[in-house]
Amino acid sequence: MSLFRELLSQKSDTSMMRFLSLISLLIAGGVACFGVYAGRDLMGLAGLCAVFVGGSFGGKVSQKFAESQTNVNIEEK
């Protein structure tokens, strides 16, 4: 429990975006494993997992792009 308290605290060194990406990736893996075990539609599962994985990595990529643009604007001033 103390690990989660440290991760969710305001003074944590861990990026909240990385933590949320990890959670989203783990949920996608869990949904995929459960769906395969339950014998569900694989195309539907692939689409659902793609949403989770795309969201987890897409948010991180957009954050990097936004931060690089902000750094360029700060250095120009």
Protein backbone atom coordinates (compact mmCIF):
# COMPACT_ATOMS: atom_id res chain seq x y z
CA MET A 1 0.00 0.00 0.00
CA SER A 2 2.86 2.39 0.70
CA LEU A 3 4.01 2.04 -2.92
CA PHE A 4 0.68 3.40 -4.16
CA ARG A 5 0.73 6.19 -1.60
CA GLU A 6 4.18 7.23 -2.80
CA LEU A 7 3.19 7.07 -6.47
CA LEU A 8 0.04 9.11 -5.91
CA SER A 9 1.59 11.71 -3.60
CA GLN A 10 2.29 15.25 -4.77
CA LYS A 11 6.03 14.94 -3.99
CA SER A 12 6.61 11.73 -5.95
CA ASP A 13 9.47 11.53 -8.47
CA THR A 14 7.44 9.18 -10.67
CA SER A 15 5.56 10.77 -13.56
CA MET A 16 1.80 10.45 -13.22
CA MET A 17 1.55 10.04 -17.00
CA ARG A 18 3.83 7.00 -16.85
CA PHE A 19 1.80 5.56 -14.00
CA LEU A 20 -1.48 6.01 -15.91
CA SER A 21 0.08 4.51 -19.05
CA LEU A 22 1.16 1.46 -17.05
CA ILE A 23 -2.31 1.06 -15.55
CA SER A 24 -3.94 1.33 -19.00
CA LEU A 25 -1.50 -1.21 -20.44
CA LEU A 26 -2.18 -3.64 -17.58
CA ILE A 27 -5.94 -3.26 -18.05
CA ALA A 28 -5.56 -4.02 -21.77
CA GLY A 29 -3.58 -7.15 -20.96
CA GLY A 30 -6.16 -8.23 -18.39
CA VAL A 31 -9.05 -7.67 -20.80
CA ALA A 32 -7.23 -9.65 -23.50
CA CYS A 33 -6.46 -12.58 -21.21
CA PHE A 34 -10.00 -12.67 -19.82
CA GLY A 35 -11.53 -12.45 -23.29
CA VAL A 36 -9.41 -15.26 -24.71
CA TYR A 37 -10.13 -17.41 -21.66
CA ALA A 38 -13.86 -16.75 -21.93
CA GLY A 39 -13.87 -17.50 -25.67
CA ARG A 40 -15.07 -14.06 -26.79
CA ASP A 41 -14.82 -12.46 -30.23
CA LEU A 42 -11.12 -11.92 -30.96
CA MET A 43 -11.67 -9.01 -33.36
CA GLY A 44 -13.69 -7.15 -30.76
CA LEU A 45 -11.05 -7.86 -28.13
CA ALA A 46 -8.31 -6.63 -30.46
CA GLY A 47 -10.21 -3.39 -31.02
CA LEU A 48 -10.82 -2.87 -27.31
CA CYS A 49 -7.20 -3.58 -26.42
CA ALA A 50 -6.03 -1.27 -29.22
CA VAL A 51 -8.03 1.55 -27.63
CA PHE A 52 -6.37 0.97 -24.26
CA VAL A 53 -2.86 0.56 -25.68
CA GLY A 54 -3.27 3.48 -28.09
CA GLY A 55 -4.54 5.67 -25.30
CA SER A 56 -1.69 4.74 -23.00
CA PHE A 57 1.06 5.38 -25.51
CA GLY A 58 -0.70 8.14 -27.44
CA GLY A 59 -0.98 10.28 -24.33
CA LYS A 60 2.71 9.87 -23.58
CA VAL A 61 3.71 10.74 -27.16
CA SER A 62 1.52 13.83 -27.19
CA GLN A 63 3.01 14.89 -23.84
CA LYS A 64 6.54 14.60 -25.23
CA PHE A 65 5.56 16.62 -28.30
CA ALA A 66 3.91 19.34 -26.20
CA GLU A 67 6.89 19.51 -23.83
CA SER A 68 9.35 19.82 -26.71
CA GLN A 69 7.30 22.68 -28.19
CA THR A 70 7.21 24.40 -24.81
CA ASN A 71 10.98 24.08 -24.39
CA VAL A 72 11.58 25.59 -27.84
CA ASN A 73 9.34 28.56 -27.02
CA ILE A 74 11.06 29.15 -23.68
CA GLU A 75 14.55 29.05 -25.23
CA GLU A 76 13.56 31.57 -27.94
CA LYS A 77 12.59 34.19 -25.35
